[in-house]
Amino acid sequence: MPVSRVLSDAEISDLLAEPKPLPDRFREKLRRRKSKRKPNELVGKLDIQSERGHRFRLTVRVNDQVANNFSVLVVWFTPTGEKILLIRCNGFHERHVNRIEKTVIPADTCHIHTITERYQVFGKPDGFAEETYRYVDVRTAIKHATTHYGFYRPTKKDSKQPTLPGIDE
């Protein structure tokens, strides 16, 4: 996803922290279906309007042959409709090299790609990643993404629909 203008690190932090209400039964809405693009990939998408009126998308991709090969993405849509990938929580993929720092994240290690101002200028907006132990599978990666990066569950008094135990938790 090429970026038409460079976002500052402060703008990126603000977008990630921006309050994003999750709808009731959001996990159900993220249920993955066969990808049209890749035959061995399952994809789930959920569009979310932030409190400030920005549009975001939470996307989950899973390889249906290798369950530990997954990604959970947080994408921001600019006012012109351009998609900007802010965060990508990867599962056990191939090794990753941060090209500027020359640091290596070994294969089969969960890691989080974050767009940075420096890497946008370098031409690889989400080229920076850090190894993580905050999640170990797609379920815990979804939990990580939805408990960080500004997502929240509206309280029952704010919600228009009742929550369902075991589904909405």
Protein backbone atom coordinates (compact mmCIF):
# COMPACT_ATOMS: atom_id res chain seq x y z
CA MET A 1 0.00 0.00 0.00
CA PRO A 2 2.03 2.95 -1.21
CA VAL A 3 1.48 6.17 0.71
CA SER A 4 0.87 9.41 -1.23
CA ARG A 5 2.25 11.54 1.59
CA VAL A 6 4.49 10.75 4.52
CA LEU A 7 2.70 10.49 7.85
CA SER A 8 4.69 11.69 10.85
CA ASP A 9 5.26 9.29 13.73
CA ALA A 10 3.01 11.57 15.83
CA GLU A 11 0.19 11.29 13.25
CA ILE A 12 0.60 7.50 13.22
CA SER A 13 0.45 7.36 17.03
CA ASP A 14 -2.66 9.55 17.02
CA LEU A 15 -4.40 7.33 14.45
CA LEU A 16 -3.56 4.19 16.42
CA ALA A 17 -4.77 5.73 19.69
CA GLU A 18 -7.93 7.18 18.16
CA PRO A 19 -11.02 5.65 19.83
CA LYS A 20 -12.52 2.96 17.59
CA PRO A 21 -15.74 1.35 18.86
CA LEU A 22 -16.07 -2.36 18.15
CA PRO A 23 -19.57 -3.49 17.18
CA ASP A 24 -21.41 -6.16 19.11
CA ARG A 25 -20.34 -9.66 18.11
CA PHE A 26 -17.35 -8.25 16.21
CA ARG A 27 -15.58 -11.63 16.21
CA GLU A 28 -18.54 -13.13 14.41
CA LYS A 29 -18.29 -10.36 11.82
CA LEU A 30 -14.59 -11.17 11.38
CA ARG A 31 -15.41 -14.77 10.47
CA ARG A 32 -13.01 -15.72 7.74
CA ARG A 33 -14.02 -16.75 4.22
CA LYS A 34 -12.05 -18.05 1.25
CA SER A 35 -9.96 -15.34 -0.37
CA LYS A 36 -10.64 -14.51 -3.99
CA ARG A 37 -6.99 -13.52 -4.39
CA LYS A 38 -5.24 -16.48 -2.76
CA PRO A 39 -6.85 -19.94 -2.86
CA ASN A 40 -5.27 -21.15 0.42
CA GLU A 41 -6.11 -18.03 2.42
CA LEU A 42 -9.11 -17.24 4.62
CA VAL A 43 -9.93 -13.55 5.10
CA GLY A 44 -12.23 -11.64 7.45
CA LYS A 45 -12.78 -7.87 7.33
CA LEU A 46 -14.53 -5.42 9.60
CA ASP A 47 -14.93 -1.72 8.79
CA ILE A 48 -15.11 0.63 11.77
CA GLN A 49 -15.95 4.33 12.02
CA SER A 50 -13.93 6.08 14.74
CA GLU A 51 -15.35 8.65 17.12
CA ARG A 52 -13.59 11.31 15.05
CA GLY A 53 -15.21 10.10 11.84
CA HIS A 54 -12.20 8.29 10.40
CA ARG A 55 -12.71 4.94 8.71
CA PHE A 56 -10.57 1.96 9.75
CA ARG A 57 -10.55 -1.69 8.75
CA LEU A 58 -9.59 -4.65 10.90
CA THR A 59 -8.56 -7.55 8.66
CA VAL A 60 -7.66 -11.11 9.61
CA ARG A 61 -5.87 -13.41 7.16
CA VAL A 62 -5.09 -17.06 7.87
CA ASN A 63 -3.46 -19.69 5.71
CA ASP A 64 -5.97 -22.56 5.73
CA GLN A 65 -3.15 -25.11 5.43
CA VAL A 66 -0.81 -23.62 8.06
CA ALA A 67 -2.85 -22.12 10.93
CA ASN A 68 0.18 -20.36 12.48
CA ASN A 69 0.68 -18.41 9.24
CA PHE A 70 -1.65 -15.45 9.89
CA SER A 71 -1.86 -11.67 9.94
CA VAL A 72 -4.11 -9.22 11.75
CA LEU A 73 -4.09 -5.79 10.12
CA VAL A 74 -5.24 -2.33 11.14
CA VAL A 75 -5.80 -0.15 8.07
CA TRP A 76 -6.75 3.52 7.95
CA PHE A 77 -8.64 5.01 5.01
CA THR A 78 -7.56 8.57 4.25
CA PRO A 79 -10.29 11.13 3.44
CA THR A 80 -9.58 10.43 -0.27
CA GLY A 81 -10.08 6.68 0.23
CA GLU A 82 -6.41 5.66 0.13
CA LYS A 83 -5.67 2.61 2.31
CA ILE A 84 -2.75 2.95 4.72
CA LEU A 85 -1.63 -0.10 6.65
CA LEU A 86 -0.79 1.07 10.18
CA ILE A 87 -0.17 -2.24 11.98
CA ARG A 88 0.29 -5.85 10.87
CA CYS A 89 0.49 -8.50 13.57
CA ASN A 90 2.12 -11.47 11.87
CA GLY A 91 2.22 -15.04 12.98
CA PHE A 92 4.94 -17.53 12.15
CA HIS A 93 6.09 -16.26 8.76
CA GLU A 94 9.47 -16.26 7.09
CA ARG A 95 12.27 -14.30 8.71
CA HIS A 96 12.05 -10.53 8.52
CA VAL A 97 14.91 -8.07 8.06
CA ASN A 98 14.56 -4.43 9.12
CA ARG A 99 16.47 -2.96 6.17
CA ILE A 100 17.58 0.28 7.85
CA GLU A 101 18.75 -1.20 11.16
CA LYS A 102 19.86 -4.50 9.58
CA THR A 103 18.19 -6.39 12.43
CA VAL A 104 16.73 -9.82 11.77
CA ILE A 105 13.61 -11.40 13.22
CA PRO A 106 13.98 -15.18 12.88
CA ALA A 107 11.51 -17.30 10.94
CA ASP A 108 8.67 -18.81 12.94
CA THR A 109 8.58 -15.84 15.32
CA CYS A 110 5.53 -13.64 15.81
CA HIS A 111 6.24 -10.02 15.00
CA ILE A 112 4.43 -6.71 14.61
CA HIS A 113 4.98 -4.46 11.59
CA THR A 114 4.35 -0.79 12.26
CA ILE A 115 4.32 1.99 9.69
CA THR A 116 6.95 4.60 10.56
CA GLU A 117 7.89 7.97 9.13
CA ARG A 118 11.46 6.77 8.58
CA TYR A 119 10.43 3.66 6.63
CA GLN A 120 7.91 5.62 4.52
CA VAL A 121 10.75 7.90 3.39
CA PHE A 122 12.83 4.75 2.77
CA GLY A 123 10.07 3.44 0.48
CA LYS A 124 8.89 0.54 2.67
CA PRO A 125 6.14 2.08 4.85
CA ASP A 126 5.49 -1.05 6.96
CA GLY A 127 9.03 -2.40 6.60
CA PHE A 128 9.86 -2.05 10.29
CA ALA A 129 8.90 -4.93 12.60
CA GLU A 130 9.53 -6.00 16.17
CA GLU A 131 9.48 -9.51 17.57
CA THR A 132 6.65 -10.09 20.02
CA TYR A 133 5.43 -12.60 22.56
CA ARG A 134 2.13 -10.74 23.13
CA TYR A 135 0.26 -13.35 21.08
CA VAL A 136 0.85 -16.92 19.92
CA ASP A 137 -2.01 -17.64 17.51
CA VAL A 138 -4.60 -15.81 15.45
CA ARG A 139 -7.12 -15.70 18.33
CA THR A 140 -4.66 -14.00 20.70
CA ALA A 141 -3.40 -11.74 17.87
CA ILE A 142 -6.98 -10.51 17.34
CA LYS A 143 -7.27 -9.95 21.09
CA HIS A 144 -3.96 -8.04 21.09
CA ALA A 145 -5.02 -5.83 18.18
CA THR A 146 -8.46 -5.11 19.65
CA THR A 147 -7.19 -4.34 23.15
CA HIS A 148 -4.49 -2.02 21.84
CA TYR A 149 -4.55 0.51 19.02
CA GLY A 150 -7.62 2.41 20.27
CA PHE A 151 -10.30 -0.26 19.90
CA TYR A 152 -12.85 -0.49 22.67
CA ARG A 153 -16.14 -2.18 23.47
CA PRO A 154 -18.94 0.32 24.14
CA THR A 155 -20.57 -0.15 27.52
CA LYS A 156 -24.01 -1.74 27.59
CA LYS A 157 -25.67 1.62 28.15
CA ASP A 158 -23.92 2.92 24.97
CA SER A 159 -24.72 -0.20 22.98
CA LYS A 160 -27.87 -0.50 20.88
CA GLN A 161 -27.87 -4.32 20.98
CA PRO A 162 -27.60 -6.67 23.95
CA THR A 163 -24.32 -8.54 24.30
CA LEU A 164 -24.37 -12.32 24.18
CA PRO A 165 -22.25 -14.22 26.75
CA GLY A 166 -19.68 -16.47 25.08
CA ILE A 167 -20.00 -14.72 21.72
CA ASP A 168 -19.27 -11.10 22.52
CA GLU A 169 -16.57 -11.76 25.10
